[in-house]
Amino acid sequence: MREVFLSYWNSFFADLVRPYRDDITAISTLVIAVFAVVLARVAWKQTRDARILHRAYLDVKFGGVRDVSTGELVGSVDFKNVGHLPMQKLRWLVRLDSGGSNWRPPKIRNRDLAGESVIPPGAEWPRGSNDIPHPGDAGGVYLYVWGRATYADGFGWRKRRVDFCHRYPWKMREASNGGGVSIGAEHARYHDYGNSAT
């Protein structure tokens, strides 16, 4: 009985499908191709999102300004890797200047950057600037800790870049324990100019 039913079903189905066999093959191939494109797009988006979530990210934290043994001022920043992969090929430039509220950092060339280091995830690395003499006591004077850092984020060949410019009001200086003056990181602000990242 089962064989008779299967034989009847196969002949019926074959007679029904045979005239449209090429059309059904074409439509099936098109559906498979569309699904393949959709799956490729989903895989690409998941890869992109994984890179965004897991790559190395650089945070340039305020480090303050202080006197050094020569009596001049030095600014500092703390480079921190807040991502999930090691930050590789880190190169940097940290400078200190004084100026008014509309001061802008000079153009930075990549050949001015120094070093080549690695920062593991979660680690901080302090870096100091050049030294400058104390500015005059004129009102509206600020100290600017500025510069650039470039690094490899753990994925691909692209190098990331962070330009930073931190502003410290000279009027907020305090006498430090060993003599001289300092301006704590709590007085720092991001300057209107010179801050960008890629």
C-alpha atoms as a PDB file:
ATOM      1  CA  MET A   1       0.000   0.000   0.000  1.00  0.00           C
ATOM      2  CA  ARG A   2       2.793   2.356   0.971  1.00  0.00           C
ATOM      3  CA  GLU A   3       4.625   1.683  -2.292  1.00  0.00           C
ATOM      4  CA  VAL A   4       1.480   2.389  -4.332  1.00  0.00           C
ATOM      5  CA  PHE A   5       0.926   5.686  -2.505  1.00  0.00           C
ATOM      6  CA  LEU A   6       4.569   6.754  -2.972  1.00  0.00           C
ATOM      7  CA  SER A   7       4.505   5.773  -6.628  1.00  0.00           C
ATOM      8  CA  TYR A   8       1.295   7.734  -7.219  1.00  0.00           C
ATOM      9  CA  TRP A   9       2.664  10.767  -5.275  1.00  0.00           C
ATOM     10  CA  ASN A  10       5.982  10.771  -7.152  1.00  0.00           C
ATOM     11  CA  SER A  11       4.321  10.564 -10.560  1.00  0.00           C
ATOM     12  CA  PHE A  12       1.795  13.277  -9.634  1.00  0.00           C
ATOM     13  CA  PHE A  13       4.483  15.566  -8.204  1.00  0.00           C
ATOM     14  CA  ALA A  14       6.819  14.949 -11.150  1.00  0.00           C
ATOM     15  CA  ASP A  15       4.044  15.748 -13.642  1.00  0.00           C
ATOM     16  CA  LEU A  16       3.232  18.916 -11.716  1.00  0.00           C
ATOM     17  CA  VAL A  17       6.827  20.172 -11.405  1.00  0.00           C
ATOM     18  CA  ARG A  18       8.343  19.034 -14.723  1.00  0.00           C
ATOM     19  CA  PRO A  19       7.008  21.925 -16.867  1.00  0.00           C
ATOM     20  CA  TYR A  20       8.334  24.522 -14.358  1.00  0.00           C
ATOM     21  CA  ARG A  21      11.605  22.807 -13.470  1.00  0.00           C
ATOM     22  CA  ASP A  22      13.888  25.533 -14.928  1.00  0.00           C
ATOM     23  CA  ASP A  23      11.857  28.329 -13.324  1.00  0.00           C
ATOM     24  CA  ILE A  24      11.954  26.647  -9.935  1.00  0.00           C
ATOM     25  CA  THR A  25      15.724  26.132 -10.232  1.00  0.00           C
ATOM     26  CA  ALA A  26      16.245  29.811 -11.129  1.00  0.00           C
ATOM     27  CA  ILE A  27      14.081  31.069  -8.252  1.00  0.00           C
ATOM     28  CA  SER A  28      15.767  28.716  -5.772  1.00  0.00           C
ATOM     29  CA  THR A  29      19.209  29.883  -6.905  1.00  0.00           C
ATOM     30  CA  LEU A  30      18.143  33.517  -6.521  1.00  0.00           C
ATOM     31  CA  VAL A  31      16.805  32.894  -2.993  1.00  0.00           C
ATOM     32  CA  ILE A  32      20.060  31.158  -1.983  1.00  0.00           C
ATOM     33  CA  ALA A  33      22.088  34.048  -3.442  1.00  0.00           C
ATOM     34  CA  VAL A  34      20.038  36.621  -1.498  1.00  0.00           C
ATOM     35  CA  PHE A  35      20.515  34.657   1.733  1.00  0.00           C
ATOM     36  CA  ALA A  36      24.269  34.456   1.065  1.00  0.00           C
ATOM     37  CA  VAL A  37      24.468  38.247   0.622  1.00  0.00           C
ATOM     38  CA  VAL A  38      22.430  38.826   3.799  1.00  0.00           C
ATOM     39  CA  LEU A  39      24.643  36.447   5.792  1.00  0.00           C
ATOM     40  CA  ALA A  40      27.814  38.097   4.429  1.00  0.00           C
ATOM     41  CA  ARG A  41      26.493  41.508   5.499  1.00  0.00           C
ATOM     42  CA  VAL A  42      25.620  40.220   8.975  1.00  0.00           C
ATOM     43  CA  ALA A  43      29.109  38.699   9.323  1.00  0.00           C
ATOM     44  CA  TRP A  44      30.722  41.978   8.206  1.00  0.00           C
ATOM     45  CA  LYS A  45      28.689  43.980  10.750  1.00  0.00           C
ATOM     46  CA  GLN A  46      29.517  41.562  13.558  1.00  0.00           C
ATOM     47  CA  THR A  47      33.222  41.769  12.721  1.00  0.00           C
ATOM     48  CA  ARG A  48      33.067  45.580  12.662  1.00  0.00           C
ATOM     49  CA  ASP A  49      31.194  45.705  15.975  1.00  0.00           C
ATOM     50  CA  ALA A  50      33.659  43.274  17.585  1.00  0.00           C
ATOM     51  CA  ARG A  51      36.543  45.494  16.521  1.00  0.00           C
ATOM     52  CA  ILE A  52      34.826  48.578  17.934  1.00  0.00           C
ATOM     53  CA  LEU A  53      34.142  46.852  21.254  1.00  0.00           C
ATOM     54  CA  HIS A  54      37.494  45.121  21.704  1.00  0.00           C
ATOM     55  CA  ARG A  55      40.144  47.400  20.205  1.00  0.00           C
ATOM     56  CA  ALA A  56      42.592  49.527  22.198  1.00  0.00           C
ATOM     57  CA  TYR A  57      41.397  53.032  23.122  1.00  0.00           C
ATOM     58  CA  LEU A  58      43.652  55.822  24.393  1.00  0.00           C
ATOM     59  CA  ASP A  59      42.527  58.188  27.135  1.00  0.00           C
ATOM     60  CA  VAL A  60      44.840  61.161  27.719  1.00  0.00           C
ATOM     61  CA  LYS A  61      44.165  62.088  31.348  1.00  0.00           C
ATOM     62  CA  PHE A  62      45.022  65.392  33.040  1.00  0.00           C
ATOM     63  CA  GLY A  63      48.347  65.122  34.877  1.00  0.00           C
ATOM     64  CA  GLY A  64      48.828  68.616  36.307  1.00  0.00           C
ATOM     65  CA  VAL A  65      51.649  71.160  36.091  1.00  0.00           C
ATOM     66  CA  ARG A  66      54.510  71.412  38.597  1.00  0.00           C
ATOM     67  CA  ASP A  67      57.933  72.868  39.237  1.00  0.00           C
ATOM     68  CA  VAL A  68      61.056  70.833  38.597  1.00  0.00           C
ATOM     69  CA  SER A  69      64.434  71.123  40.350  1.00  0.00           C
ATOM     70  CA  THR A  70      65.559  73.856  37.934  1.00  0.00           C
ATOM     71  CA  GLY A  71      62.612  76.050  38.986  1.00  0.00           C
ATOM     72  CA  GLU A  72      60.861  75.747  35.650  1.00  0.00           C
ATOM     73  CA  LEU A  73      57.422  74.298  34.964  1.00  0.00           C
ATOM     74  CA  VAL A  74      56.642  70.890  33.447  1.00  0.00           C
ATOM     75  CA  GLY A  75      53.223  69.630  32.396  1.00  0.00           C
ATOM     76  CA  SER A  76      52.222  65.997  32.426  1.00  0.00           C
ATOM     77  CA  VAL A  77      49.560  63.670  31.066  1.00  0.00           C
ATOM     78  CA  ASP A  78      48.704  60.048  31.809  1.00  0.00           C
ATOM     79  CA  PHE A  79      48.219  57.855  28.772  1.00  0.00           C
ATOM     80  CA  LYS A  80      45.714  55.136  29.696  1.00  0.00           C
ATOM     81  CA  ASN A  81      44.602  52.182  27.579  1.00  0.00           C
ATOM     82  CA  VAL A  82      40.866  51.933  28.292  1.00  0.00           C
ATOM     83  CA  GLY A  83      40.285  49.296  25.604  1.00  0.00           C
ATOM     84  CA  HIS A  84      40.507  45.498  25.636  1.00  0.00           C
ATOM     85  CA  LEU A  85      43.613  44.890  23.488  1.00  0.00           C
ATOM     86  CA  PRO A  86      47.217  46.040  23.958  1.00  0.00           C
ATOM     87  CA  MET A  87      47.982  49.444  22.494  1.00  0.00           C
ATOM     88  CA  GLN A  88      50.969  48.945  20.199  1.00  0.00           C
ATOM     89  CA  LYS A  89      53.460  51.248  18.481  1.00  0.00           C
ATOM     90  CA  LEU A  90      52.526  54.179  20.743  1.00  0.00           C
ATOM     91  CA  ARG A  91      54.366  57.343  19.703  1.00  0.00           C
ATOM     92  CA  TRP A  92      53.823  60.684  21.426  1.00  0.00           C
ATOM     93  CA  LEU A  93      54.570  64.371  21.759  1.00  0.00           C
ATOM     94  CA  VAL A  94      53.778  66.272  24.982  1.00  0.00           C
ATOM     95  CA  ARG A  95      54.469  70.023  25.119  1.00  0.00           C
ATOM     96  CA  LEU A  96      53.832  72.870  27.571  1.00  0.00           C
ATOM     97  CA  ASP A  97      53.195  76.496  26.556  1.00  0.00           C
ATOM     98  CA  SER A  98      51.595  79.574  28.073  1.00  0.00           C
ATOM     99  CA  GLY A  99      49.160  81.989  26.480  1.00  0.00           C
ATOM    100  CA  GLY A 100      45.818  83.742  26.613  1.00  0.00           C
ATOM    101  CA  SER A 101      42.378  82.162  26.387  1.00  0.00           C
ATOM    102  CA  ASN A 102      42.427  82.176  22.551  1.00  0.00           C
ATOM    103  CA  TRP A 103      45.810  80.445  22.245  1.00  0.00           C
ATOM    104  CA  ARG A 104      45.952  77.616  19.682  1.00  0.00           C
ATOM    105  CA  PRO A 105      48.442  74.751  19.570  1.00  0.00           C
ATOM    106  CA  PRO A 106      50.869  74.797  16.643  1.00  0.00           C
ATOM    107  CA  LYS A 107      50.598  72.257  13.845  1.00  0.00           C
ATOM    108  CA  ILE A 108      52.066  68.882  14.796  1.00  0.00           C
ATOM    109  CA  ARG A 109      54.051  66.776  12.343  1.00  0.00           C
ATOM    110  CA  ASN A 110      54.231  63.029  12.842  1.00  0.00           C
ATOM    111  CA  ARG A 111      58.018  63.138  12.514  1.00  0.00           C
ATOM    112  CA  ASP A 112      58.079  65.163  15.779  1.00  0.00           C
ATOM    113  CA  LEU A 113      56.685  62.206  17.731  1.00  0.00           C
ATOM    114  CA  ALA A 114      59.009  60.202  19.975  1.00  0.00           C
ATOM    115  CA  GLY A 115      59.277  56.627  21.186  1.00  0.00           C
ATOM    116  CA  GLU A 116      57.486  53.439  20.286  1.00  0.00           C
ATOM    117  CA  SER A 117      55.890  51.669  23.236  1.00  0.00           C
ATOM    118  CA  VAL A 118      53.165  49.221  24.219  1.00  0.00           C
ATOM    119  CA  ILE A 119      50.497  49.814  26.886  1.00  0.00           C
ATOM    120  CA  PRO A 120      48.553  46.770  28.109  1.00  0.00           C
ATOM    121  CA  PRO A 121      44.778  47.043  28.662  1.00  0.00           C
ATOM    122  CA  GLY A 122      43.966  49.027  31.817  1.00  0.00           C
ATOM    123  CA  ALA A 123      47.517  50.331  32.288  1.00  0.00           C
ATOM    124  CA  GLU A 124      48.467  54.004  32.725  1.00  0.00           C
ATOM    125  CA  TRP A 125      51.714  55.567  31.613  1.00  0.00           C
ATOM    126  CA  PRO A 126      52.650  59.113  32.720  1.00  0.00           C
ATOM    127  CA  ARG A 127      54.567  61.340  30.311  1.00  0.00           C
ATOM    128  CA  GLY A 128      56.086  64.757  30.968  1.00  0.00           C
ATOM    129  CA  SER A 129      56.503  67.785  28.720  1.00  0.00           C
ATOM    130  CA  ASN A 130      59.312  70.183  27.980  1.00  0.00           C
ATOM    131  CA  ASP A 131      60.062  72.760  30.693  1.00  0.00           C
ATOM    132  CA  ILE A 132      59.238  76.473  30.469  1.00  0.00           C
ATOM    133  CA  PRO A 133      59.883  79.440  32.767  1.00  0.00           C
ATOM    134  CA  HIS A 134      57.105  80.762  34.979  1.00  0.00           C
ATOM    135  CA  PRO A 135      54.806  83.092  33.026  1.00  0.00           C
ATOM    136  CA  GLY A 136      54.265  86.643  34.193  1.00  0.00           C
ATOM    137  CA  ASP A 137      51.495  87.394  36.672  1.00  0.00           C
ATOM    138  CA  ALA A 138      49.345  89.137  34.075  1.00  0.00           C
ATOM    139  CA  GLY A 139      45.642  88.282  34.318  1.00  0.00           C
ATOM    140  CA  GLY A 140      44.152  85.735  31.951  1.00  0.00           C
ATOM    141  CA  VAL A 141      47.302  83.628  31.555  1.00  0.00           C
ATOM    142  CA  TYR A 142      46.872  79.898  31.030  1.00  0.00           C
ATOM    143  CA  LEU A 143      49.266  76.993  30.773  1.00  0.00           C
ATOM    144  CA  TYR A 144      48.566  74.532  27.966  1.00  0.00           C
ATOM    145  CA  VAL A 145      49.654  70.897  28.013  1.00  0.00           C
ATOM    146  CA  TRP A 146      49.169  69.762  24.431  1.00  0.00           C
ATOM    147  CA  GLY A 147      50.364  67.207  21.954  1.00  0.00           C
ATOM    148  CA  ARG A 148      49.595  64.084  19.980  1.00  0.00           C
ATOM    149  CA  ALA A 149      49.709  60.320  20.396  1.00  0.00           C
ATOM    150  CA  THR A 150      49.446  57.717  17.635  1.00  0.00           C
ATOM    151  CA  TYR A 151      49.022  53.982  18.138  1.00  0.00           C
ATOM    152  CA  ALA A 152      47.932  50.698  16.577  1.00  0.00           C
ATOM    153  CA  ASP A 153      44.602  49.570  18.051  1.00  0.00           C
ATOM    154  CA  GLY A 154      45.135  45.805  17.711  1.00  0.00           C
ATOM    155  CA  PHE A 155      43.211  45.363  14.439  1.00  0.00           C
ATOM    156  CA  GLY A 156      44.572  45.843  10.959  1.00  0.00           C
ATOM    157  CA  TRP A 157      47.066  48.330   9.664  1.00  0.00           C
ATOM    158  CA  ARG A 158      45.270  51.572  10.561  1.00  0.00           C
ATOM    159  CA  LYS A 159      46.980  53.862  13.083  1.00  0.00           C
ATOM    160  CA  ARG A 160      44.805  55.825  15.488  1.00  0.00           C
ATOM    161  CA  ARG A 161      45.560  59.407  16.483  1.00  0.00           C
ATOM    162  CA  VAL A 162      44.644  61.514  19.520  1.00  0.00           C
ATOM    163  CA  ASP A 163      45.385  65.256  19.622  1.00  0.00           C
ATOM    164  CA  PHE A 164      44.939  66.822  23.052  1.00  0.00           C
ATOM    165  CA  CYS A 165      45.128  70.273  24.608  1.00  0.00           C
ATOM    166  CA  HIS A 166      44.557  70.709  28.354  1.00  0.00           C
ATOM    167  CA  ARG A 167      44.215  74.214  29.829  1.00  0.00           C
ATOM    168  CA  TYR A 168      45.367  75.162  33.348  1.00  0.00           C
ATOM    169  CA  PRO A 169      44.685  78.676  34.770  1.00  0.00           C
ATOM    170  CA  TRP A 170      47.927  80.166  36.118  1.00  0.00           C
ATOM    171  CA  LYS A 171      45.968  81.932  38.876  1.00  0.00           C
ATOM    172  CA  MET A 172      45.112  78.506  40.395  1.00  0.00           C
ATOM    173  CA  ARG A 173      48.774  77.743  41.235  1.00  0.00           C
ATOM    174  CA  GLU A 174      49.522  76.616  44.765  1.00  0.00           C
ATOM    175  CA  ALA A 175      52.712  76.322  46.753  1.00  0.00           C
ATOM    176  CA  SER A 176      53.919  72.717  46.701  1.00  0.00           C
ATOM    177  CA  ASN A 177      55.423  70.869  49.681  1.00  0.00           C
ATOM    178  CA  GLY A 178      59.020  70.980  48.470  1.00  0.00           C
ATOM    179  CA  GLY A 179      58.828  74.629  47.438  1.00  0.00           C
ATOM    180  CA  GLY A 180      57.847  75.982  44.061  1.00  0.00           C
ATOM    181  CA  VAL A 181      54.327  75.861  42.658  1.00  0.00           C
ATOM    182  CA  SER A 182      51.962  73.364  41.104  1.00  0.00           C
ATOM    183  CA  ILE A 183      48.533  73.327  39.504  1.00  0.00           C
ATOM    184  CA  GLY A 184      46.552  70.176  40.220  1.00  0.00           C
ATOM    185  CA  ALA A 185      44.721  68.119  37.623  1.00  0.00           C
ATOM    186  CA  GLU A 186      41.390  69.126  39.203  1.00  0.00           C
ATOM    187  CA  HIS A 187      41.859  72.622  37.711  1.00  0.00           C
ATOM    188  CA  ALA A 188      42.410  71.363  34.164  1.00  0.00           C
ATOM    189  CA  ARG A 189      39.866  71.726  31.369  1.00  0.00           C
ATOM    190  CA  TYR A 190      39.835  70.685  27.723  1.00  0.00           C
ATOM    191  CA  HIS A 191      40.769  73.692  25.634  1.00  0.00           C
ATOM    192  CA  ASP A 192      38.452  74.876  22.852  1.00  0.00           C
ATOM    193  CA  TYR A 193      41.137  74.066  20.277  1.00  0.00           C
ATOM    194  CA  GLY A 194      43.453  71.147  19.638  1.00  0.00           C
ATOM    195  CA  ASN A 195      41.340  68.161  20.762  1.00  0.00           C
ATOM    196  CA  SER A 196      40.457  65.456  18.236  1.00  0.00           C
ATOM    197  CA  ALA A 197      40.688  61.699  17.747  1.00  0.00           C
ATOM    198  CA  THR A 198      40.460  59.121  14.962  1.00  0.00           C
END
